[in-house]
Protein backbone atom coordinates (compact mmCIF):
# COMPACT_ATOMS: atom_id res chain seq x y z
CA UNK A 1 108.76 85.63 137.67
CA UNK A 2 110.14 84.27 134.43
CA UNK A 3 113.05 86.13 132.94
CA UNK A 4 111.89 88.20 129.99
CA UNK A 5 113.91 88.32 126.82
CA UNK A 6 113.00 91.37 124.77
CA UNK A 7 112.56 91.16 121.02
CA UNK A 8 113.85 94.67 120.45
CA UNK A 9 116.37 96.24 118.25
CA UNK A 10 118.69 98.02 120.63
CA UNK A 11 121.71 97.31 122.71
CA UNK A 12 119.58 95.85 125.49
CA UNK A 13 116.49 94.52 123.83
CA UNK A 14 115.59 92.07 121.12
CA UNK A 15 113.11 92.53 118.28
CA UNK A 16 110.89 89.66 117.44
CA UNK A 17 109.10 88.93 114.25
CA UNK A 18 107.26 86.22 112.34
CA UNK A 19 106.01 85.47 108.86
CA UNK A 20 103.07 83.11 108.36
CA UNK A 21 101.87 81.52 105.13
CA UNK A 22 99.24 79.01 104.29
CA UNK A 23 100.18 76.26 101.97
CA UNK A 24 97.85 73.93 100.15
CA UNK A 25 98.63 70.37 101.25
CA UNK A 26 101.24 69.18 98.79
CA UNK A 27 103.19 66.00 99.56
CA UNK A 28 106.44 66.61 101.31
CA UNK A 29 109.98 65.61 100.49
CA UNK A 30 111.79 63.35 102.90
CA UNK A 31 114.01 64.82 105.60
CA UNK A 32 116.92 62.91 104.03
CA UNK A 33 116.34 64.65 100.70
CA UNK A 34 115.86 67.95 102.49
CA UNK A 35 119.15 67.66 104.31
CA UNK A 36 120.88 66.97 101.01
CA UNK A 37 119.49 70.10 99.44
CA UNK A 38 117.02 68.33 97.15
CA UNK A 39 113.97 70.24 95.93
CA UNK A 40 110.48 68.84 96.23
CA UNK A 41 109.77 66.20 93.58
CA UNK A 42 108.49 67.35 90.22
CA UNK A 43 104.71 67.21 90.17
CA UNK A 44 104.46 67.57 93.95
CA UNK A 45 104.97 71.07 95.35
CA UNK A 46 107.70 72.20 93.04
CA UNK A 47 107.57 75.63 91.38
CA UNK A 48 106.80 73.92 88.09
CA UNK A 49 104.10 71.68 89.48
CA UNK A 50 101.23 74.18 89.31
CA UNK A 51 101.50 76.73 86.54
CA UNK A 52 99.40 79.85 86.13
CA UNK A 53 97.18 78.13 83.56
CA UNK A 54 96.30 75.42 86.04
CA UNK A 55 95.41 78.03 88.67
CA UNK A 56 93.33 80.10 86.28
CA UNK A 57 91.42 77.03 85.09
CA UNK A 58 90.72 75.65 88.55
CA UNK A 59 87.22 75.82 90.00
CA UNK A 60 86.55 78.73 92.34
CA UNK A 61 85.64 76.23 95.05
CA UNK A 62 89.08 74.62 94.79
CA UNK A 63 90.92 77.85 95.63
CA UNK A 64 91.70 78.16 99.33
CA UNK A 65 90.06 80.91 101.35
CA UNK A 66 93.35 81.91 103.00
CA UNK A 67 97.05 81.48 102.45
CA UNK A 68 99.08 82.20 105.56
CA UNK A 69 102.71 83.11 104.85
CA UNK A 70 105.39 83.13 107.55
CA UNK A 71 108.80 84.69 106.93
CA UNK A 72 110.83 83.51 109.92
CA UNK A 73 114.28 85.03 110.30
CA UNK A 74 115.65 82.93 113.17
CA UNK A 75 119.26 83.02 111.97
CA UNK A 76 120.25 85.15 114.97
CA UNK A 77 119.87 85.27 118.76
CA UNK A 78 116.13 84.58 118.47
CA UNK A 79 116.73 81.04 117.23
CA UNK A 80 115.99 79.85 120.78
CA UNK A 81 112.40 81.07 120.33
CA UNK A 82 111.79 79.13 117.11
CA UNK A 83 110.79 75.71 118.41
CA UNK A 84 107.93 76.93 120.57
CA UNK A 85 106.32 78.95 117.78
CA UNK A 86 106.94 76.19 115.23
CA UNK A 87 105.11 73.74 117.49
CA UNK A 88 102.26 76.23 117.83
CA UNK A 89 101.98 76.40 114.06
CA UNK A 90 101.73 72.61 113.90
CA UNK A 91 99.12 72.62 116.65
CA UNK A 92 97.19 75.31 114.80
CA UNK A 93 96.81 73.07 111.76
CA UNK A 94 95.52 73.76 108.28
CA UNK A 95 92.67 72.69 106.00
CA UNK A 96 91.53 72.67 102.39
CA UNK A 97 90.42 76.27 102.97
CA UNK A 98 93.48 77.42 104.87
CA UNK A 99 97.02 76.82 103.64
CA UNK A 100 100.17 77.45 105.67
CA UNK A 101 103.53 78.15 104.04
CA UNK A 102 106.61 78.79 106.16
CA UNK A 103 110.04 80.05 105.10
CA UNK A 104 112.41 79.60 108.04
CA UNK A 105 116.14 80.11 108.39
CA UNK A 106 117.79 79.06 111.66
CA UNK A 107 121.10 79.88 113.30
CA UNK A 108 122.88 76.55 112.95
CA UNK A 109 120.84 75.14 110.05
CA UNK A 110 119.98 76.03 106.50
CA UNK A 111 116.69 77.46 105.32
CA UNK A 112 113.58 75.45 104.41
CA UNK A 113 110.10 75.87 103.03
CA UNK A 114 107.54 74.01 105.13
CA UNK A 115 103.83 73.44 105.04
CA UNK A 116 101.54 72.22 107.81
CA UNK A 117 99.53 69.08 107.03
CA UNK A 118 97.62 67.00 109.58
CA UNK A 119 99.22 69.03 112.37
CA UNK A 120 102.69 68.08 111.20
CA UNK A 121 105.34 70.11 109.42
CA UNK A 122 106.26 68.79 106.00
CA UNK A 123 109.42 69.96 104.29
CA UNK A 124 108.82 71.22 100.79
CA UNK A 125 112.21 72.58 99.89
CA UNK A 126 115.75 72.84 101.26
CA UNK A 127 117.61 76.01 100.34
CA UNK A 128 120.86 75.71 102.29
CA UNK A 129 122.31 78.83 103.88
CA UNK A 130 120.53 81.94 102.60
CA UNK A 131 120.46 85.63 103.38
CA UNK A 132 116.94 86.43 104.58
CA UNK A 133 117.86 90.11 104.41
CA UNK A 134 117.94 89.82 100.62
CA UNK A 135 114.61 91.09 99.24
CA UNK A 136 114.81 88.54 96.42
CA UNK A 137 114.30 85.79 99.00
CA UNK A 138 110.99 87.33 100.06
CA UNK A 139 110.01 87.81 96.42
CA UNK A 140 110.82 84.16 95.63
CA UNK A 141 108.80 83.00 98.63
CA UNK A 142 105.70 84.94 97.61
CA UNK A 143 106.02 83.82 93.98
CA UNK A 144 106.26 80.21 95.16
CA UNK A 145 102.99 80.70 97.01
CA UNK A 146 101.45 82.37 93.96
CA UNK A 147 102.30 79.39 91.79
CA UNK A 148 101.37 76.61 94.15
CA UNK A 149 99.05 77.89 96.84
CA UNK A 150 96.77 80.53 95.45
CA UNK A 151 94.03 81.77 97.77
CA UNK A 152 91.39 84.45 97.88
CA UNK A 153 93.08 86.15 100.84
CA UNK A 154 96.64 86.32 102.10
CA UNK A 155 98.29 87.25 105.37
CA UNK A 156 102.05 87.64 105.73
CA UNK A 157 103.69 87.33 109.15
CA UNK A 158 107.16 88.70 109.78
CA UNK A 159 108.99 86.97 112.66
CA UNK A 160 112.26 88.38 114.02
CA UNK A 161 113.79 91.58 115.35
CA UNK A 162 112.17 94.78 114.17
CA UNK A 163 112.91 98.50 114.39
CA UNK A 164 111.13 101.60 113.11
CA UNK A 165 113.98 102.41 110.71
CA UNK A 166 116.14 99.27 110.53
CA UNK A 167 113.65 96.82 109.08
CA UNK A 168 111.72 93.64 109.78
CA UNK A 169 114.42 91.02 110.02
CA UNK A 170 118.17 90.68 110.61
CA UNK A 171 120.00 87.62 109.27
CA UNK A 172 123.26 87.09 111.14
CA UNK A 173 124.80 84.42 108.90
CA UNK A 174 125.58 85.02 105.26
CA UNK A 175 126.27 82.27 102.71
CA UNK A 176 129.98 81.46 102.91
CA UNK A 177 130.43 82.61 106.52
CA UNK A 178 132.50 80.21 108.59
CA UNK A 179 130.52 80.96 111.75
CA UNK A 180 127.28 82.79 112.67
CA UNK A 181 127.57 86.48 113.33
CA UNK A 182 130.52 87.18 111.02
CA UNK A 183 128.32 89.40 108.88
CA UNK A 184 124.65 90.20 108.78
CA UNK A 185 122.01 91.96 106.76
CA UNK A 186 118.68 93.67 107.45
CA UNK A 187 115.57 93.18 105.37
CA UNK A 188 114.81 96.89 105.44
CA UNK A 189 111.39 98.47 105.13
CA UNK A 190 112.25 99.75 101.67
CA UNK A 191 113.39 96.27 100.65
CA UNK A 192 110.06 94.86 101.83
CA UNK A 193 108.33 97.27 99.47
CA UNK A 194 110.72 96.29 96.71
CA UNK A 195 110.13 92.58 97.29
CA UNK A 196 106.33 92.93 97.39
CA UNK A 197 105.99 95.28 94.43
CA UNK A 198 102.97 94.23 92.39
CA UNK A 199 101.68 91.97 95.16
CA UNK A 200 98.58 92.51 97.29
CA UNK A 201 98.41 91.40 100.89
CA UNK A 202 95.22 91.57 102.87
CA UNK A 203 97.18 91.66 106.13
CA UNK A 204 100.80 92.04 107.20
CA UNK A 205 101.32 91.13 110.85
CA UNK A 206 104.67 91.88 112.50
CA UNK A 207 105.62 89.61 115.38
CA UNK A 208 108.44 91.89 116.41
CA UNK A 209 109.22 95.17 118.11
CA UNK A 210 108.37 98.73 117.24
CA UNK A 211 106.96 98.69 113.72
CA UNK A 212 103.82 100.51 114.88
CA UNK A 213 105.33 103.99 114.49
CA UNK A 214 103.83 106.93 112.63
CA UNK A 215 106.98 107.25 110.52
CA UNK A 216 107.19 103.55 109.61
CA UNK A 217 103.52 103.10 108.74
CA UNK A 218 103.50 106.22 106.59
CA UNK A 219 106.67 105.11 104.81
CA UNK A 220 104.88 101.96 103.66
CA UNK A 221 101.91 104.00 102.45
CA UNK A 222 104.07 106.58 100.67
CA UNK A 223 106.11 103.78 99.09
CA UNK A 224 103.02 102.15 97.62
CA UNK A 225 102.91 98.93 99.63
CA UNK A 226 99.64 97.25 98.66
CA UNK A 227 98.25 96.03 101.97
CA UNK A 228 94.86 96.61 103.56
CA UNK A 229 95.76 96.17 107.24
CA UNK A 230 98.87 95.95 109.36
CA UNK A 231 99.17 94.56 112.87
CA UNK A 232 102.16 96.07 114.66
CA UNK A 233 103.48 97.06 118.08
CA UNK A 234 104.38 100.62 119.02
CA UNK A 235 107.02 99.39 121.45
CA UNK A 236 109.00 96.31 122.38
CA UNK A 237 107.47 92.88 122.69
CA UNK A 238 108.43 89.96 124.89
CA UNK A 239 109.60 86.66 123.49
CA UNK A 240 106.10 85.11 123.54
CA UNK A 241 104.75 87.23 120.73
CA UNK A 242 101.73 85.87 118.83
CA UNK A 243 99.93 82.71 119.89
CA UNK A 244 99.97 80.96 116.53
CA UNK A 245 98.11 77.88 117.68
CA UNK A 246 95.11 79.89 118.86
CA UNK A 247 95.11 82.17 115.83
CA UNK A 248 95.32 79.31 113.36
CA UNK A 249 92.74 77.17 115.13
CA UNK A 250 90.23 80.01 114.92
CA UNK A 251 91.01 80.67 111.26
CA UNK A 252 90.75 77.00 110.33
CA UNK A 253 87.42 76.80 112.15
CA UNK A 254 86.10 79.90 110.37
CA UNK A 255 87.93 80.40 107.05
CA UNK A 256 85.20 82.75 105.81
CA UNK A 257 86.35 85.51 108.15
CA UNK A 258 87.52 88.63 106.36
CA UNK A 259 90.84 90.42 106.78
CA UNK A 260 89.72 92.75 109.55
CA UNK A 261 88.15 89.89 111.46
CA UNK A 262 91.43 87.97 111.27
CA UNK A 263 93.29 91.02 112.58
CA UNK A 264 90.82 91.16 115.45
CA UNK A 265 91.50 87.49 116.21
CA UNK A 266 95.24 88.21 116.36
CA UNK A 267 94.92 91.07 118.85
CA UNK A 268 92.19 89.26 120.80
CA UNK A 269 94.42 86.24 121.35
CA UNK A 270 97.29 88.58 122.17
CA UNK A 271 95.16 90.12 124.91
CA UNK A 272 94.05 86.70 126.12
CA UNK A 273 97.68 85.68 126.60
CA UNK A 274 98.94 88.85 128.24
CA UNK A 275 96.13 89.18 130.73
CA UNK A 276 96.93 85.78 132.26
CA UNK A 277 99.72 84.62 134.53
CA UNK A 278 102.64 84.67 134.09
CA UNK A 279 102.46 87.01 131.11
CA UNK A 280 100.12 89.57 132.70
CA UNK A 281 103.17 91.14 134.36
CA UNK A 282 104.31 92.27 130.90
CA UNK A 283 104.69 96.05 130.89
CA UNK A 284 105.96 96.84 127.46
CA UNK A 285 103.88 95.23 124.79
CA UNK A 286 100.87 95.96 122.58
CA UNK A 287 99.72 95.05 119.08
CA UNK A 288 97.48 97.41 117.10
CA UNK A 289 95.38 97.03 113.95
CA UNK A 290 96.02 99.76 111.39
CA UNK A 291 93.80 100.52 108.42
CA UNK A 292 96.48 101.46 105.93
CA UNK A 293 94.03 103.42 103.79
CA UNK A 294 93.65 105.91 106.67
CA UNK A 295 97.32 106.42 107.52
CA UNK A 296 97.88 109.27 105.05
CA UNK A 297 95.02 111.29 106.55
CA UNK A 298 96.46 110.70 110.02
CA UNK A 299 99.91 111.84 108.86
CA UNK A 300 98.43 115.01 107.39
CA UNK A 301 96.63 115.78 110.66
CA UNK A 302 99.80 115.26 112.71
CA UNK A 303 101.79 117.48 110.35
CA UNK A 304 99.16 120.23 110.60
CA UNK A 305 99.27 120.01 114.39
CA UNK A 306 103.08 120.21 114.32
CA UNK A 307 102.92 123.34 112.14
CA UNK A 308 100.37 124.92 114.48
CA UNK A 309 102.57 124.35 117.51
CA UNK A 310 105.74 125.50 115.74
CA UNK A 311 104.11 128.75 114.61
CA UNK A 312 103.73 129.87 118.24
CA UNK A 313 106.41 127.79 119.92
CA UNK A 314 107.01 130.21 122.80
CA UNK A 315 103.40 129.83 123.92
CA UNK A 316 103.42 126.05 123.68
CA UNK A 317 106.99 125.06 124.62
CA UNK A 318 106.28 124.26 128.26
CA UNK A 319 103.13 122.29 127.39
CA UNK A 320 104.97 120.36 124.68
CA UNK A 321 107.81 119.45 127.05
CA UNK A 322 105.40 118.22 129.71
CA UNK A 323 103.44 116.19 127.16
CA UNK A 324 106.63 114.62 125.80
CA UNK A 325 107.90 113.61 129.23
CA UNK A 326 104.51 112.15 130.11
CA UNK A 327 104.34 110.05 126.95
CA UNK A 328 107.68 108.25 126.99
CA UNK A 329 107.19 104.55 126.34
CA UNK A 330 108.58 102.38 129.17
CA UNK A 331 111.54 100.00 129.07
CA UNK A 332 114.30 102.13 127.63
CA UNK A 333 112.34 104.10 125.07
CA UNK A 334 114.01 107.28 126.29
CA UNK A 335 117.14 105.97 124.59
CA UNK A 336 115.17 104.97 121.53
CA UNK A 337 113.43 108.36 121.45
CA UNK A 338 109.88 107.09 120.99
CA UNK A 339 106.77 108.39 122.70
CA UNK A 340 103.14 107.32 122.64
CA UNK A 341 101.64 109.68 120.07
CA UNK A 342 97.98 109.72 121.20
CA UNK A 343 99.01 110.34 124.81
CA UNK A 344 101.21 113.24 123.69
CA UNK A 345 98.47 114.80 121.56
CA UNK A 346 95.73 114.36 124.16
CA UNK A 347 97.90 115.94 126.86
CA UNK A 348 98.42 119.04 124.74
CA UNK A 349 94.72 119.22 123.89
CA UNK A 350 93.78 119.03 127.56
CA UNK A 351 96.29 121.77 128.41
CA UNK A 352 94.88 124.49 126.14
CA UNK A 353 91.57 126.29 125.89
CA UNK A 354 89.02 125.05 123.36
CA UNK A 355 89.37 128.34 121.50
CA UNK A 356 93.11 127.81 121.08
CA UNK A 357 94.19 126.79 117.53
CA UNK A 358 96.18 123.90 119.03
CA UNK A 359 93.00 122.41 120.49
CA UNK A 360 91.38 121.98 117.07
CA UNK A 361 94.63 120.69 115.56
CA UNK A 362 95.00 118.07 118.29
CA UNK A 363 91.35 117.07 118.01
CA UNK A 364 91.82 116.48 114.28
CA UNK A 365 94.65 114.06 115.05
CA UNK A 366 92.60 112.15 117.61
CA UNK A 367 89.62 112.00 115.25
CA UNK A 368 91.83 110.62 112.46
CA UNK A 369 93.29 107.99 114.78
CA UNK A 370 90.70 106.27 116.96
CA UNK A 371 88.23 104.24 114.91
CA UNK A 372 89.85 105.39 111.68
CA UNK A 373 93.56 104.62 111.33
CA UNK A 374 93.62 102.40 114.44
CA UNK A 375 90.82 99.83 114.66
CA UNK A 376 91.78 97.71 117.64
CA UNK A 377 94.59 96.95 120.05
CA UNK A 378 95.89 93.85 121.80
CA UNK A 379 96.92 94.80 125.32
CA UNK A 380 98.54 93.50 128.47
CA UNK A 381 96.98 93.75 131.92
CA UNK A 382 98.72 97.03 132.73
CA UNK A 383 98.71 98.66 129.29
CA UNK A 384 96.53 101.58 130.35
CA UNK A 385 98.65 102.26 133.43
CA UNK A 386 101.76 102.58 131.29
CA UNK A 387 100.12 104.91 128.80
CA UNK A 388 100.01 102.82 125.65
CA UNK A 389 97.49 103.92 123.06
CA UNK A 390 98.70 101.97 120.06
CA UNK A 391 101.06 104.07 117.95
CA UNK A 392 104.43 105.70 118.55
CA UNK A 393 106.26 108.69 117.12
CA UNK A 394 109.84 109.92 117.41
CA UNK A 395 110.45 112.70 119.94
CA UNK A 396 114.05 112.61 121.24
CA UNK A 397 115.04 114.34 124.47
CA UNK A 398 117.30 116.65 122.49
CA UNK A 399 118.57 117.24 118.99
CA UNK A 400 122.02 115.82 119.65
CA UNK A 401 120.79 112.78 121.58
CA UNK A 402 119.35 111.43 118.34
CA UNK A 403 120.89 113.19 115.34
CA UNK A 404 124.43 112.87 116.74
CA UNK A 405 124.57 110.13 119.38
CA UNK A 406 122.19 107.87 117.43
CA UNK A 407 123.14 108.94 113.93
CA UNK A 408 124.65 105.61 112.97
CA UNK A 409 123.34 102.33 114.34
CA UNK A 410 123.26 98.72 113.20
CA UNK A 411 119.60 98.79 114.21
CA UNK A 412 118.74 101.96 112.31
CA UNK A 413 119.33 105.56 113.36
CA UNK A 414 118.89 109.21 112.50
CA UNK A 415 120.69 108.98 109.17
CA UNK A 416 118.06 106.50 108.01
CA UNK A 417 115.17 108.18 109.83
CA UNK A 418 115.68 111.51 108.10
CA UNK A 419 115.32 109.84 104.68
CA UNK A 420 111.77 108.72 105.55
CA UNK A 421 108.87 110.73 104.18
CA UNK A 422 106.98 111.61 107.35
CA UNK A 423 109.76 113.47 109.21
CA UNK A 424 110.09 115.72 106.16
CA UNK A 425 106.39 116.64 106.20
CA UNK A 426 106.99 119.10 109.05
CA UNK A 427 107.56 116.87 112.07
CA UNK A 428 111.37 117.21 112.16
CA UNK A 429 111.10 120.97 111.56
CA UNK A 430 108.70 121.15 114.51
CA UNK A 431 111.15 119.26 116.73
CA UNK A 432 114.02 121.54 115.73
CA UNK A 433 111.89 124.59 116.44
CA UNK A 434 110.99 123.20 119.85
CA UNK A 435 114.69 122.58 120.64
CA UNK A 436 115.63 126.03 119.34
CA UNK A 437 117.85 124.35 116.79
CA UNK A 438 117.33 125.84 113.35
């Protein structure tokens, strides 16, 4: 069996993440110019080449159907995964209807903007050493696409490590560092919202670990992120991640697909990969489609359920403990304090009488989740056996195991978690009541 390298954000696992972007076919600069830090020639794919007036005056038929944006933070220990995915992007191709724009920063190299043309990567811009954890870099990237590669629909892939509280990418080399790893910076979830303020994305897909958490998804909604759908994993993911060649080939062949259909392609190809040898042995990975317009209703239902349980904690404590232990996500999630939320809720519902107030509260959560907030899931061969149902939630083994032992962490911890909106809607109060810690 091949050795698995986890893309997770913890002491033992690695979080993986990718950003995809479709770029319109502009001529590329030479690799010699790129290595010397020269921008794309004026009138080619430079920021000044296509102004807003030119875009506004262009024929509707000349605007691409999709722009695929990829924000690839490979300036860390995941650099070894870059070449395989980069080749997949080239194999996936592009077209007049589908543009691909890539912003990649590697461990031993500077950062570049690339496009895919005729199944080859063409360098558009050399940026030198950059900090991909700086939200301005994401803003600049999206504005570059706005100027030069406007499309009717946009999908943004994040590629790197990911954590529920830490963020979507960790750059381990800052400008001016003498060697990689001297200092590093997260692109946090709040910085993503800052960078994308005023922008609309049809889809954000996270090729990384653990973004599919109740707390993280709700934070994006509460913070006003303008996105229709997110594709995210509730747990860790292996190094393989998304199959970009298959995804892009299907999009290029059918550029008229809408945002939900593209999300379904992503999770469908994910399932195709992880139900075949050697990847079918994967035990820790899923990718779910979330309708972001339904996340607030789901959060309200979970908070109501938490209040119902807390109001009569002595009657429910044993049931809650059993449900929590039966919902722990495999591969070290005990340490990370995540559980599978639907499994937890369904276990409680099945453990009480239908006349019990907790039954109705749990049912409301399930009704708000399946077919509403969650519209599809990419799975591995043994997903059902391991109890994955698509979304996680924080439920530590004890108060101190998280709020003390995991208070400070380079990958995010309690001191960040407690600043998020969802825990303060009743969930953390429920946990403290359950622990008898008030």
